[in-house]
Amino acid sequence: MGGEKVVKTEAEWRAQLTPEQYRVTREHGTERACTGAYWNTKDNGIYVCVCCDQPLFDSLSKFDSGTGWPSFAEPVADEHVSTRTDRSHFMVRTEILCSRCDAHLGHVFPDGPPPHGLRYCLNSVALKLVPRPSATGSTNAK
């Protein structure tokens, strides 16, 4: 996907997204741990931005971080995510954003698996899983 920046008004985003999707992606919210649709799923596919459908993370890089949020070792392409310093809640963290529409996705931490050592900790509500078709027609990873 990639390409042109997606810019919409607050009213357009509110019309497109559920209240929870809007709160997280447009107002930089966080869903509660162990409550999101994808925190514990093993389904095979590509996770795309709920706001603009840009491919963000591959299920093959997903791992169980024990945090209660979906965690990935790396994005599908570095240019599909952007980062910025987040100083909210009396902490300094690195916020992850969709590079195409600036949706808040979550945060990245330096405690992930090799070889990069990063943990991209995401909000399920900021994502949609697009199943990857398999040779047998099943979309579940074995």
Protein backbone atom coordinates (compact mmCIF):
# COMPACT_ATOMS: atom_id res chain seq x y z
CA MET A 1 0.00 0.00 0.00
CA GLY A 2 1.97 3.06 1.17
CA GLY A 3 1.53 6.09 -1.01
CA GLU A 4 -0.25 9.32 -0.29
CA LYS A 5 -0.90 10.53 3.23
CA VAL A 6 -4.47 9.94 4.42
CA VAL A 7 -5.91 13.05 6.03
CA LYS A 8 -9.50 13.22 7.29
CA THR A 9 -11.48 15.51 9.54
CA GLU A 10 -12.41 14.48 13.06
CA ALA A 11 -16.00 13.96 11.85
CA GLU A 12 -14.84 11.70 9.00
CA TRP A 13 -12.74 9.56 11.38
CA ARG A 14 -15.65 9.33 13.85
CA ALA A 15 -17.99 8.20 11.07
CA GLN A 16 -15.52 5.51 9.93
CA LEU A 17 -14.36 4.12 13.29
CA THR A 18 -16.04 2.64 16.35
CA PRO A 19 -15.82 4.81 19.48
CA GLU A 20 -13.04 2.56 20.87
CA GLN A 21 -11.10 2.59 17.59
CA TYR A 22 -11.36 6.37 17.53
CA ARG A 23 -10.27 6.72 21.17
CA VAL A 24 -7.17 4.59 20.62
CA THR A 25 -6.07 5.57 17.12
CA ARG A 26 -7.00 9.27 17.00
CA GLU A 27 -6.78 10.20 20.71
CA HIS A 28 -3.72 8.04 21.56
CA GLY A 29 -5.58 5.77 23.95
CA THR A 30 -4.71 2.26 25.13
CA GLU A 31 -6.97 -0.75 25.40
CA ARG A 32 -6.81 -2.80 28.60
CA ALA A 33 -4.40 -5.74 28.61
CA CYS A 34 -5.81 -9.15 27.61
CA THR A 35 -9.00 -7.61 26.18
CA GLY A 36 -8.15 -7.02 22.51
CA ALA A 37 -9.13 -9.36 19.69
CA TYR A 38 -5.53 -10.16 18.70
CA TRP A 39 -3.53 -10.31 21.94
CA ASN A 40 -3.60 -14.12 22.00
CA THR A 41 -4.49 -15.12 18.44
CA LYS A 42 -2.28 -17.37 16.33
CA ASP A 43 -4.11 -16.73 13.04
CA ASN A 44 -1.94 -16.40 9.96
CA GLY A 45 -2.03 -13.16 7.97
CA ILE A 46 -1.08 -9.53 7.72
CA TYR A 47 -2.18 -6.97 10.28
CA VAL A 48 -3.23 -3.73 8.60
CA CYS A 49 -4.12 -0.30 9.97
CA VAL A 50 -7.79 -0.10 10.95
CA CYS A 51 -7.89 3.49 9.68
CA CYS A 52 -6.25 3.24 6.23
CA ASP A 53 -5.54 -0.48 5.51
CA GLN A 54 -1.78 0.02 5.24
CA PRO A 55 0.01 -3.32 5.90
CA LEU A 56 1.84 -3.01 9.21
CA PHE A 57 2.85 -6.35 10.78
CA ASP A 58 3.06 -9.97 9.63
CA SER A 59 1.72 -12.71 11.91
CA LEU A 60 5.03 -14.53 11.31
CA SER A 61 6.78 -11.86 13.42
CA LYS A 62 4.18 -12.03 16.23
CA PHE A 63 5.32 -13.50 19.54
CA ASP A 64 3.93 -14.02 23.04
CA SER A 65 5.44 -11.24 25.13
CA GLY A 66 3.37 -12.07 28.20
CA THR A 67 2.07 -8.48 28.31
CA GLY A 68 -1.54 -9.00 27.21
CA TRP A 69 -1.13 -6.99 23.99
CA PRO A 70 -0.21 -8.27 20.53
CA SER A 71 3.57 -8.01 20.15
CA PHE A 72 5.69 -8.16 17.02
CA ALA A 73 9.44 -8.29 16.40
CA GLU A 74 9.35 -6.00 13.34
CA PRO A 75 7.00 -4.22 10.92
CA VAL A 76 6.42 -5.52 7.39
CA ALA A 77 8.34 -2.46 6.16
CA ASP A 78 10.12 0.18 8.23
CA GLU A 79 8.53 2.95 6.16
CA HIS A 80 5.01 1.75 7.08
CA VAL A 81 5.42 2.87 10.69
CA SER A 82 6.78 6.03 12.22
CA THR A 83 7.79 6.76 15.78
CA ARG A 84 7.88 9.71 18.11
CA THR A 85 8.71 10.35 21.73
CA ASP A 86 5.72 9.98 24.06
CA ARG A 87 6.13 11.73 27.42
CA SER A 88 2.60 11.04 28.71
CA HIS A 89 1.74 9.33 31.99
CA PHE A 90 5.02 10.43 33.65
CA MET A 91 7.03 8.09 31.37
CA VAL A 92 9.23 8.43 28.30
CA ARG A 93 8.30 5.87 25.65
CA THR A 94 8.50 5.52 21.88
CA GLU A 95 5.07 5.75 20.29
CA ILE A 96 4.32 3.82 17.07
CA LEU A 97 2.17 5.46 14.41
CA CYS A 98 0.93 4.37 11.01
CA SER A 99 3.09 6.37 8.60
CA ARG A 100 0.20 6.78 6.16
CA CYS A 101 -2.55 8.17 8.43
CA ASP A 102 -0.80 8.89 11.76
CA ALA A 103 -3.01 6.45 13.68
CA HIS A 104 -1.67 5.66 17.15
CA LEU A 105 -0.84 1.95 17.20
CA GLY A 106 1.02 1.42 20.47
CA HIS A 107 4.64 1.62 21.64
CA VAL A 108 7.97 -0.02 20.83
CA PHE A 109 10.30 -1.26 23.57
CA PRO A 110 13.93 -2.51 23.51
CA ASP A 111 13.13 -5.87 25.17
CA GLY A 112 12.13 -7.99 22.18
CA PRO A 113 13.60 -11.13 20.65
CA PRO A 114 16.74 -11.31 18.49
CA PRO A 115 17.91 -10.28 16.00
CA HIS A 116 16.53 -6.71 16.42
CA GLY A 117 15.68 -6.83 20.13
CA LEU A 118 12.51 -4.78 19.67
CA ARG A 119 8.97 -5.42 20.90
CA TYR A 120 6.29 -3.59 18.97
CA CYS A 121 3.44 -3.64 21.51
CA LEU A 122 0.16 -2.81 19.76
CA ASN A 123 -3.48 -2.19 20.49
CA SER A 124 -5.67 -4.82 18.80
CA VAL A 125 -8.35 -2.22 18.13
CA ALA A 126 -5.88 -0.30 15.90
CA LEU A 127 -5.48 -3.35 13.64
CA LYS A 128 -7.38 -5.58 11.22
CA LEU A 129 -6.09 -9.06 10.42
CA VAL A 130 -6.20 -9.94 6.73
CA PRO A 131 -5.94 -13.75 6.59
CA ARG A 132 -3.26 -15.28 4.41
CA PRO A 133 -4.73 -18.01 2.21
CA SER A 134 -2.98 -21.36 2.56
CA ALA A 135 -2.67 -24.28 0.15
CA THR A 136 -5.43 -26.14 2.03
CA GLY A 137 -7.75 -23.16 2.20
CA SER A 138 -7.37 -22.77 5.97
CA THR A 139 -6.27 -19.41 7.38
CA ASN A 140 -5.07 -20.74 10.71
CA ALA A 141 -1.36 -21.11 11.32
CA LYS A 142 -0.33 -24.61 12.32
